[in-house]
């Protein structure tokens, strides 16, 4: 249990004024328990430590946005940790481990069971088609596709989004 005399709201107000000793006091007060929360969600100690680190960076940068009318100061800090941990678990569930195999520079030769999907894929520009195939056939994350194609991540995400819409329309 936290010390009854620890004033979380005053600590966050001091963090909002960029008083380092307040962040240090909050860290000493809650870091071990926050690590426990992050560890239960992330199930990896190194990752949980990173999440706690990121929590304190967010607290430092966003302490001024804390609103006591919306909940307790301690609850606000814990919610940051939970959100960061859950976001990481959700995001990492989307990623699939891929071997470091060199990809050919030409369009990959994928086996597709449906001639209809093949027809719709062929209507896409080659770079966009490759993004879709790398994502859904190879199981690559957006970041891995961006690296493989030497293309900015935002561009890859936009291509995939637009290509999926085009495929949905084509498949009708």
C-alpha atoms as a PDB file:
ATOM      1  CA  UNK A   1       0.000   0.000   0.000  1.00  0.00           C
ATOM      2  CA  UNK A   2       1.186   3.541  -0.650  1.00  0.00           C
ATOM      3  CA  UNK A   3       2.166   5.728   2.244  1.00  0.00           C
ATOM      4  CA  UNK A   4      -0.920   7.604   3.432  1.00  0.00           C
ATOM      5  CA  UNK A   5       1.080  10.821   3.644  1.00  0.00           C
ATOM      6  CA  UNK A   6       2.200  10.763  -0.007  1.00  0.00           C
ATOM      7  CA  UNK A   7       0.370  13.513  -1.900  1.00  0.00           C
ATOM      8  CA  UNK A   8       0.041  12.321  -5.485  1.00  0.00           C
ATOM      9  CA  UNK A   9      -1.806  15.412  -6.692  1.00  0.00           C
ATOM     10  CA  UNK A  10       0.841  17.753  -5.279  1.00  0.00           C
ATOM     11  CA  UNK A  11       3.526  15.556  -6.814  1.00  0.00           C
ATOM     12  CA  UNK A  12       1.915  15.761 -10.273  1.00  0.00           C
ATOM     13  CA  UNK A  13       1.493  19.524  -9.899  1.00  0.00           C
ATOM     14  CA  UNK A  14       5.207  19.783  -9.114  1.00  0.00           C
ATOM     15  CA  UNK A  15       6.014  17.580 -12.137  1.00  0.00           C
ATOM     16  CA  UNK A  16       3.941  19.939 -14.267  1.00  0.00           C
ATOM     17  CA  UNK A  17       6.233  22.737 -13.023  1.00  0.00           C
ATOM     18  CA  UNK A  18       9.208  20.537 -14.050  1.00  0.00           C
ATOM     19  CA  UNK A  19      10.437  19.992 -10.515  1.00  0.00           C
ATOM     20  CA  UNK A  20      12.679  16.959 -10.870  1.00  0.00           C
ATOM     21  CA  UNK A  21      12.561  16.009  -7.208  1.00  0.00           C
ATOM     22  CA  UNK A  22       8.806  15.434  -7.567  1.00  0.00           C
ATOM     23  CA  UNK A  23       9.323  12.942 -10.378  1.00  0.00           C
ATOM     24  CA  UNK A  24      12.057  11.263  -8.323  1.00  0.00           C
ATOM     25  CA  UNK A  25       9.715  11.029  -5.315  1.00  0.00           C
ATOM     26  CA  UNK A  26       6.934   9.566  -7.455  1.00  0.00           C
ATOM     27  CA  UNK A  27       9.385   7.074  -8.947  1.00  0.00           C
ATOM     28  CA  UNK A  28      10.564   5.985  -5.496  1.00  0.00           C
ATOM     29  CA  UNK A  29       6.965   5.718  -4.315  1.00  0.00           C
ATOM     30  CA  UNK A  30       5.452   3.761  -7.218  1.00  0.00           C
ATOM     31  CA  UNK A  31       8.047   2.313  -9.616  1.00  0.00           C
ATOM     32  CA  UNK A  32       8.124  -1.165  -8.036  1.00  0.00           C
ATOM     33  CA  UNK A  33       4.328  -1.493  -8.085  1.00  0.00           C
ATOM     34  CA  UNK A  34       4.103  -0.073 -11.613  1.00  0.00           C
ATOM     35  CA  UNK A  35       6.709  -2.623 -12.698  1.00  0.00           C
ATOM     36  CA  UNK A  36       4.455  -5.326 -11.275  1.00  0.00           C
ATOM     37  CA  UNK A  37       1.481  -4.023 -13.267  1.00  0.00           C
ATOM     38  CA  UNK A  38       3.499  -3.817 -16.478  1.00  0.00           C
ATOM     39  CA  UNK A  39       5.032  -7.249 -15.897  1.00  0.00           C
ATOM     40  CA  UNK A  40       1.636  -8.898 -15.386  1.00  0.00           C
ATOM     41  CA  UNK A  41       0.442  -7.484 -18.708  1.00  0.00           C
ATOM     42  CA  UNK A  42       3.603  -7.677 -20.847  1.00  0.00           C
ATOM     43  CA  UNK A  43       5.033 -10.886 -19.297  1.00  0.00           C
ATOM     44  CA  UNK A  44       8.576  -9.805 -20.082  1.00  0.00           C
ATOM     45  CA  UNK A  45      10.739  -8.068 -17.477  1.00  0.00           C
ATOM     46  CA  UNK A  46      12.819  -6.025 -19.916  1.00  0.00           C
ATOM     47  CA  UNK A  47       9.729  -4.844 -21.725  1.00  0.00           C
ATOM     48  CA  UNK A  48       7.977  -4.082 -18.430  1.00  0.00           C
ATOM     49  CA  UNK A  49      10.964  -1.970 -17.354  1.00  0.00           C
ATOM     50  CA  UNK A  50      10.745  -0.055 -20.653  1.00  0.00           C
ATOM     51  CA  UNK A  51       7.026   0.502 -20.081  1.00  0.00           C
ATOM     52  CA  UNK A  52       7.656   1.902 -16.603  1.00  0.00           C
ATOM     53  CA  UNK A  53      10.363   4.167 -18.022  1.00  0.00           C
ATOM     54  CA  UNK A  54       7.949   5.381 -20.698  1.00  0.00           C
ATOM     55  CA  UNK A  55       5.295   5.909 -18.021  1.00  0.00           C
ATOM     56  CA  UNK A  56       7.513   8.317 -16.129  1.00  0.00           C
ATOM     57  CA  UNK A  57       8.416  10.173 -19.309  1.00  0.00           C
ATOM     58  CA  UNK A  58       4.686  10.579 -20.029  1.00  0.00           C
ATOM     59  CA  UNK A  59       4.018  11.694 -16.472  1.00  0.00           C
ATOM     60  CA  UNK A  60       6.782  14.276 -16.767  1.00  0.00           C
ATOM     61  CA  UNK A  61       5.576  15.552 -20.142  1.00  0.00           C
ATOM     62  CA  UNK A  62       1.836  15.426 -19.458  1.00  0.00           C
ATOM     63  CA  UNK A  63       1.475  16.106 -15.732  1.00  0.00           C
ATOM     64  CA  UNK A  64      -0.184  19.433 -16.499  1.00  0.00           C
ATOM     65  CA  UNK A  65      -3.003  17.567 -18.248  1.00  0.00           C
ATOM     66  CA  UNK A  66      -3.971  15.659 -15.092  1.00  0.00           C
ATOM     67  CA  UNK A  67      -7.515  16.601 -14.061  1.00  0.00           C
ATOM     68  CA  UNK A  68      -8.465  15.668 -10.477  1.00  0.00           C
ATOM     69  CA  UNK A  69     -12.147  15.930 -11.429  1.00  0.00           C
ATOM     70  CA  UNK A  70     -11.697  12.857 -13.635  1.00  0.00           C
ATOM     71  CA  UNK A  71     -10.025  10.613 -11.064  1.00  0.00           C
ATOM     72  CA  UNK A  72      -7.199  10.209  -8.600  1.00  0.00           C
ATOM     73  CA  UNK A  73      -3.636  11.214  -9.371  1.00  0.00           C
ATOM     74  CA  UNK A  74      -2.384   7.754  -8.472  1.00  0.00           C
ATOM     75  CA  UNK A  75      -5.012   6.167 -10.717  1.00  0.00           C
ATOM     76  CA  UNK A  76      -3.933   8.450 -13.568  1.00  0.00           C
ATOM     77  CA  UNK A  77      -0.328   7.222 -13.287  1.00  0.00           C
ATOM     78  CA  UNK A  78      -1.441   3.591 -13.183  1.00  0.00           C
ATOM     79  CA  UNK A  79      -3.716   4.086 -16.184  1.00  0.00           C
ATOM     80  CA  UNK A  80      -0.737   5.367 -18.191  1.00  0.00           C
ATOM     81  CA  UNK A  81       1.202   2.200 -17.339  1.00  0.00           C
ATOM     82  CA  UNK A  82      -1.739  -0.065 -18.176  1.00  0.00           C
ATOM     83  CA  UNK A  83      -2.409   1.682 -21.491  1.00  0.00           C
ATOM     84  CA  UNK A  84       1.241   1.530 -22.541  1.00  0.00           C
ATOM     85  CA  UNK A  85       1.485  -2.153 -21.617  1.00  0.00           C
ATOM     86  CA  UNK A  86      -1.777  -3.096 -23.320  1.00  0.00           C
ATOM     87  CA  UNK A  87      -0.862  -1.131 -26.442  1.00  0.00           C
ATOM     88  CA  UNK A  88       2.449  -2.938 -26.650  1.00  0.00           C
ATOM     89  CA  UNK A  89       0.843  -6.356 -26.225  1.00  0.00           C
ATOM     90  CA  UNK A  90      -1.770  -5.513 -28.872  1.00  0.00           C
ATOM     91  CA  UNK A  91       0.821  -4.138 -31.305  1.00  0.00           C
ATOM     92  CA  UNK A  92       3.241  -7.021 -30.846  1.00  0.00           C
ATOM     93  CA  UNK A  93       0.443  -9.535 -31.422  1.00  0.00           C
ATOM     94  CA  UNK A  94       0.186  -8.132 -34.954  1.00  0.00           C
ATOM     95  CA  UNK A  95       3.853  -8.711 -35.668  1.00  0.00           C
ATOM     96  CA  UNK A  96       5.133 -12.055 -36.884  1.00  0.00           C
ATOM     97  CA  UNK A  97       8.749 -13.113 -36.606  1.00  0.00           C
ATOM     98  CA  UNK A  98      10.402 -13.231 -40.028  1.00  0.00           C
ATOM     99  CA  UNK A  99      13.757 -14.766 -40.949  1.00  0.00           C
ATOM    100  CA  UNK A 100      16.436 -12.437 -42.258  1.00  0.00           C
ATOM    101  CA  UNK A 101      16.142 -13.794 -45.761  1.00  0.00           C
ATOM    102  CA  UNK A 102      17.097 -11.547 -48.652  1.00  0.00           C
ATOM    103  CA  UNK A 103      14.087 -10.794 -50.776  1.00  0.00           C
ATOM    104  CA  UNK A 104      14.395 -10.807 -54.549  1.00  0.00           C
ATOM    105  CA  UNK A 105      14.070  -7.392 -56.163  1.00  0.00           C
ATOM    106  CA  UNK A 106      11.383  -8.611 -58.542  1.00  0.00           C
ATOM    107  CA  UNK A 107       7.783  -9.303 -57.600  1.00  0.00           C
ATOM    108  CA  UNK A 108       7.552 -12.408 -55.408  1.00  0.00           C
ATOM    109  CA  UNK A 109       5.930 -15.469 -56.953  1.00  0.00           C
ATOM    110  CA  UNK A 110       3.061 -16.292 -54.567  1.00  0.00           C
ATOM    111  CA  UNK A 111       0.655 -19.187 -54.896  1.00  0.00           C
ATOM    112  CA  UNK A 112      -2.908 -17.922 -54.594  1.00  0.00           C
ATOM    113  CA  UNK A 113      -5.873 -20.281 -54.590  1.00  0.00           C
ATOM    114  CA  UNK A 114      -8.390 -17.958 -56.154  1.00  0.00           C
ATOM    115  CA  UNK A 115      -8.160 -16.638 -59.667  1.00  0.00           C
ATOM    116  CA  UNK A 116     -10.527 -13.849 -58.605  1.00  0.00           C
ATOM    117  CA  UNK A 117      -8.148 -12.560 -55.919  1.00  0.00           C
ATOM    118  CA  UNK A 118      -5.272 -13.012 -58.352  1.00  0.00           C
ATOM    119  CA  UNK A 119      -7.115 -10.857 -60.884  1.00  0.00           C
ATOM    120  CA  UNK A 120      -7.793  -8.156 -58.265  1.00  0.00           C
ATOM    121  CA  UNK A 121      -4.188  -8.211 -57.053  1.00  0.00           C
ATOM    122  CA  UNK A 122      -2.912  -7.829 -60.606  1.00  0.00           C
ATOM    123  CA  UNK A 123      -4.935  -4.617 -60.910  1.00  0.00           C
ATOM    124  CA  UNK A 124      -2.861  -3.054 -58.100  1.00  0.00           C
ATOM    125  CA  UNK A 125       0.380  -1.207 -58.809  1.00  0.00           C
ATOM    126  CA  UNK A 126       3.351  -3.574 -58.226  1.00  0.00           C
ATOM    127  CA  UNK A 127       4.657  -1.755 -55.120  1.00  0.00           C
ATOM    128  CA  UNK A 128       1.213  -1.772 -53.516  1.00  0.00           C
ATOM    129  CA  UNK A 129       0.632  -5.400 -54.463  1.00  0.00           C
ATOM    130  CA  UNK A 130       3.971  -6.304 -52.839  1.00  0.00           C
ATOM    131  CA  UNK A 131       2.907  -4.535 -49.632  1.00  0.00           C
ATOM    132  CA  UNK A 132      -0.294  -6.575 -49.467  1.00  0.00           C
ATOM    133  CA  UNK A 133       1.500  -9.830 -50.238  1.00  0.00           C
ATOM    134  CA  UNK A 134       4.262  -9.201 -47.715  1.00  0.00           C
ATOM    135  CA  UNK A 135       1.658  -8.369 -45.057  1.00  0.00           C
ATOM    136  CA  UNK A 136      -0.860 -11.125 -45.659  1.00  0.00           C
ATOM    137  CA  UNK A 137       1.158 -13.920 -47.237  1.00  0.00           C
ATOM    138  CA  UNK A 138       4.559 -13.427 -45.568  1.00  0.00           C
ATOM    139  CA  UNK A 139       3.086 -12.104 -42.306  1.00  0.00           C
ATOM    140  CA  UNK A 140       5.374  -9.053 -42.182  1.00  0.00           C
ATOM    141  CA  UNK A 141       4.646  -6.054 -39.986  1.00  0.00           C
ATOM    142  CA  UNK A 142       4.279  -2.654 -41.602  1.00  0.00           C
ATOM    143  CA  UNK A 143       7.744  -1.697 -40.317  1.00  0.00           C
ATOM    144  CA  UNK A 144       9.292  -4.823 -41.851  1.00  0.00           C
ATOM    145  CA  UNK A 145       7.622  -4.103 -45.187  1.00  0.00           C
ATOM    146  CA  UNK A 146       8.885  -0.518 -45.120  1.00  0.00           C
ATOM    147  CA  UNK A 147      12.401  -1.804 -44.488  1.00  0.00           C
ATOM    148  CA  UNK A 148      12.201  -4.464 -47.212  1.00  0.00           C
ATOM    149  CA  UNK A 149      10.878  -2.003 -49.786  1.00  0.00           C
ATOM    150  CA  UNK A 150      13.050   0.887 -48.587  1.00  0.00           C
ATOM    151  CA  UNK A 151       9.897   3.000 -48.356  1.00  0.00           C
ATOM    152  CA  UNK A 152       8.717   5.309 -45.544  1.00  0.00           C
ATOM    153  CA  UNK A 153       6.494   3.590 -42.972  1.00  0.00           C
ATOM    154  CA  UNK A 154       3.643   6.062 -43.465  1.00  0.00           C
ATOM    155  CA  UNK A 155       3.667   5.387 -47.198  1.00  0.00           C
ATOM    156  CA  UNK A 156       3.508   1.629 -46.633  1.00  0.00           C
ATOM    157  CA  UNK A 157       0.574   2.021 -44.235  1.00  0.00           C
ATOM    158  CA  UNK A 158      -1.283   4.245 -46.705  1.00  0.00           C
ATOM    159  CA  UNK A 159      -0.625   1.838 -49.599  1.00  0.00           C
ATOM    160  CA  UNK A 160      -1.919  -1.106 -47.590  1.00  0.00           C
ATOM    161  CA  UNK A 161      -5.033   0.764 -46.474  1.00  0.00           C
ATOM    162  CA  UNK A 162      -5.862   1.941 -50.003  1.00  0.00           C
ATOM    163  CA  UNK A 163      -4.992  -1.415 -51.553  1.00  0.00           C
ATOM    164  CA  UNK A 164      -7.282  -3.274 -49.153  1.00  0.00           C
ATOM    165  CA  UNK A 165     -10.096  -0.898 -50.057  1.00  0.00           C
ATOM    166  CA  UNK A 166      -9.411  -1.499 -53.760  1.00  0.00           C
ATOM    167  CA  UNK A 167      -9.376  -5.270 -53.217  1.00  0.00           C
ATOM    168  CA  UNK A 168     -12.669  -5.127 -51.290  1.00  0.00           C
ATOM    169  CA  UNK A 169     -14.228  -3.169 -54.123  1.00  0.00           C
ATOM    170  CA  UNK A 170     -12.830  -5.496 -56.778  1.00  0.00           C
ATOM    171  CA  UNK A 171     -13.951  -8.622 -54.933  1.00  0.00           C
ATOM    172  CA  UNK A 172     -17.329  -6.931 -54.632  1.00  0.00           C
END
